[in-house]
Each structure stands twice: as structure tokens, then as C-alpha cells.
Amino acid sequence: MPRTPLAAALTRVLDDAETRARMGEASRALVAEHDITHTLTAFEDLYAQASQTLRGFPELRTPATTDQDPAWTPSAF
């Protein structure tokens, strides 16, 4: 008989093939959501949305350091 709640939970999972299968499927689905391709696509979409939003607000496109950073160009937006 397990002595701790964690040991009891692990024993239940080890003894129950259906629970193990369900947990495995859920884990694979979670991992698929964080696949590098999915993550990069999500970031690209986010940047595209931000860029479109900033086009309508030129005052937000000009950082305070524009005179200090000659490499910065508003055309990047």
C-alpha cells in the first residue's frame, strides 16, 4: 500500500491502462501545440498583427532612441 498521495496516484496510473492511454494522448496533443513550426507561425502572425496595428499609429512607431540608433528605420514597419 502506497504511503504518500503521490505514490497512490502513480500506482493508480500504473495499474490502469485506460488512464495511461488517455494521459498519453493528452500529452502528445499538448506537445503538438508547442511544435517549433506551430510556435514560429504563431509568432509570425503576432508580429504581422502588431505591424498592421502600428501602421495606423505613427507616434507609436517612433521609439525615444531614434536619434541614438541610426540603424532604426520607420520603414521597417
C-alpha atoms as a PDB file:
ATOM      1  CA  MET A   1       0.000   0.000   0.000  1.00  0.00           C
ATOM      2  CA  PRO A   2       1.478   3.404  -1.054  1.00  0.00           C
ATOM      3  CA  ARG A   3       2.368   5.679   1.832  1.00  0.00           C
ATOM      4  CA  THR A   4       2.013   9.072   0.148  1.00  0.00           C
ATOM      5  CA  PRO A   5      -0.681  10.644  -2.045  1.00  0.00           C
ATOM      6  CA  LEU A   6       1.806  10.867  -4.908  1.00  0.00           C
ATOM      7  CA  ALA A   7       2.706   7.191  -4.624  1.00  0.00           C
ATOM      8  CA  ALA A   8      -1.002   6.307  -4.538  1.00  0.00           C
ATOM      9  CA  ALA A   9      -1.694   8.377  -7.675  1.00  0.00           C
ATOM     10  CA  LEU A  10       1.248   6.838  -9.512  1.00  0.00           C
ATOM     11  CA  THR A  11       0.126   3.363  -8.545  1.00  0.00           C
ATOM     12  CA  ARG A  12      -3.388   4.070  -9.874  1.00  0.00           C
ATOM     13  CA  VAL A  13      -1.973   5.258 -13.196  1.00  0.00           C
ATOM     14  CA  LEU A  14       0.373   2.284 -13.459  1.00  0.00           C
ATOM     15  CA  ASP A  15      -2.487  -0.105 -12.744  1.00  0.00           C
ATOM     16  CA  ASP A  16      -4.967   1.469 -15.194  1.00  0.00           C
ATOM     17  CA  ALA A  17      -4.188   1.005 -18.901  1.00  0.00           C
ATOM     18  CA  GLU A  18      -7.105   3.214 -19.983  1.00  0.00           C
ATOM     19  CA  THR A  19      -5.905   6.116 -17.837  1.00  0.00           C
ATOM     20  CA  ARG A  20      -2.344   5.690 -19.122  1.00  0.00           C
ATOM     21  CA  ALA A  21      -3.580   5.748 -22.724  1.00  0.00           C
ATOM     22  CA  ARG A  22      -5.759   8.827 -22.112  1.00  0.00           C
ATOM     23  CA  MET A  23      -2.906  10.670 -20.399  1.00  0.00           C
ATOM     24  CA  GLY A  24      -0.518   9.708 -23.201  1.00  0.00           C
ATOM     25  CA  GLU A  25      -2.891  11.063 -25.854  1.00  0.00           C
ATOM     26  CA  ALA A  26      -3.361  14.303 -23.916  1.00  0.00           C
ATOM     27  CA  SER A  27       0.411  14.676 -23.542  1.00  0.00           C
ATOM     28  CA  ARG A  28       1.028  14.139 -27.256  1.00  0.00           C
ATOM     29  CA  ALA A  29      -1.645  16.724 -28.106  1.00  0.00           C
ATOM     30  CA  LEU A  30      -0.033  19.240 -25.741  1.00  0.00           C
ATOM     31  CA  VAL A  31       3.398  18.662 -27.255  1.00  0.00           C
ATOM     32  CA  ALA A  32       1.985  19.099 -30.779  1.00  0.00           C
ATOM     33  CA  GLU A  33       0.648  22.536 -29.793  1.00  0.00           C
ATOM     34  CA  HIS A  34       4.199  23.597 -28.933  1.00  0.00           C
ATOM     35  CA  ASP A  35       5.874  22.182 -32.022  1.00  0.00           C
ATOM     36  CA  ILE A  36       8.510  24.587 -33.380  1.00  0.00           C
ATOM     37  CA  THR A  37       6.649  25.109 -36.655  1.00  0.00           C
ATOM     38  CA  HIS A  38       3.410  25.917 -34.841  1.00  0.00           C
ATOM     39  CA  THR A  39       5.216  28.244 -32.444  1.00  0.00           C
ATOM     40  CA  LEU A  40       7.044  30.113 -35.218  1.00  0.00           C
ATOM     41  CA  THR A  41       3.819  30.535 -37.178  1.00  0.00           C
ATOM     42  CA  ALA A  42       2.112  31.936 -34.089  1.00  0.00           C
ATOM     43  CA  PHE A  43       4.946  34.450 -33.564  1.00  0.00           C
ATOM     44  CA  GLU A  44       4.906  35.467 -37.230  1.00  0.00           C
ATOM     45  CA  ASP A  45       1.152  36.066 -37.007  1.00  0.00           C
ATOM     46  CA  LEU A  46       1.608  38.095 -33.840  1.00  0.00           C
ATOM     47  CA  TYR A  47       4.306  40.274 -35.406  1.00  0.00           C
ATOM     48  CA  ALA A  48       2.200  40.764 -38.551  1.00  0.00           C
ATOM     49  CA  GLN A  49      -0.763  41.894 -36.445  1.00  0.00           C
ATOM     50  CA  ALA A  50       1.434  44.257 -34.435  1.00  0.00           C
ATOM     51  CA  SER A  51       2.908  45.698 -37.612  1.00  0.00           C
ATOM     52  CA  GLN A  52      -0.548  46.298 -39.088  1.00  0.00           C
ATOM     53  CA  THR A  53      -1.714  47.918 -35.871  1.00  0.00           C
ATOM     54  CA  LEU A  54       1.304  50.221 -35.706  1.00  0.00           C
ATOM     55  CA  ARG A  55       0.777  51.431 -39.285  1.00  0.00           C
ATOM     56  CA  GLY A  56      -2.220  53.419 -38.060  1.00  0.00           C
ATOM     57  CA  PHE A  57      -0.329  54.977 -35.151  1.00  0.00           C
ATOM     58  CA  PRO A  58       2.885  56.605 -36.394  1.00  0.00           C
ATOM     59  CA  GLU A  59       3.525  58.125 -32.966  1.00  0.00           C
ATOM     60  CA  LEU A  60       3.881  54.595 -31.590  1.00  0.00           C
ATOM     61  CA  ARG A  61       6.377  53.621 -34.282  1.00  0.00           C
ATOM     62  CA  THR A  62       8.960  56.173 -33.219  1.00  0.00           C
ATOM     63  CA  PRO A  63      10.944  54.969 -30.222  1.00  0.00           C
ATOM     64  CA  ALA A  64      12.576  57.535 -27.955  1.00  0.00           C
ATOM     65  CA  THR A  65      16.011  56.334 -29.100  1.00  0.00           C
ATOM     66  CA  THR A  66      15.659  57.004 -32.850  1.00  0.00           C
ATOM     67  CA  ASP A  67      18.278  59.743 -32.741  1.00  0.00           C
ATOM     68  CA  GLN A  68      20.612  57.462 -30.802  1.00  0.00           C
ATOM     69  CA  ASP A  69      20.190  54.444 -33.086  1.00  0.00           C
ATOM     70  CA  PRO A  70      20.924  55.275 -36.727  1.00  0.00           C
ATOM     71  CA  ALA A  71      20.150  51.691 -37.747  1.00  0.00           C
ATOM     72  CA  TRP A  72      16.498  52.107 -36.757  1.00  0.00           C
ATOM     73  CA  THR A  73      14.222  52.951 -39.662  1.00  0.00           C
ATOM     74  CA  PRO A  74      10.480  53.558 -39.609  1.00  0.00           C
ATOM     75  CA  SER A  75      10.225  51.767 -42.969  1.00  0.00           C
ATOM     76  CA  ALA A  76      10.745  48.508 -41.083  1.00  0.00           C
ATOM     77  CA  PHE A  77       7.096  48.878 -40.169  1.00  0.00           C
END
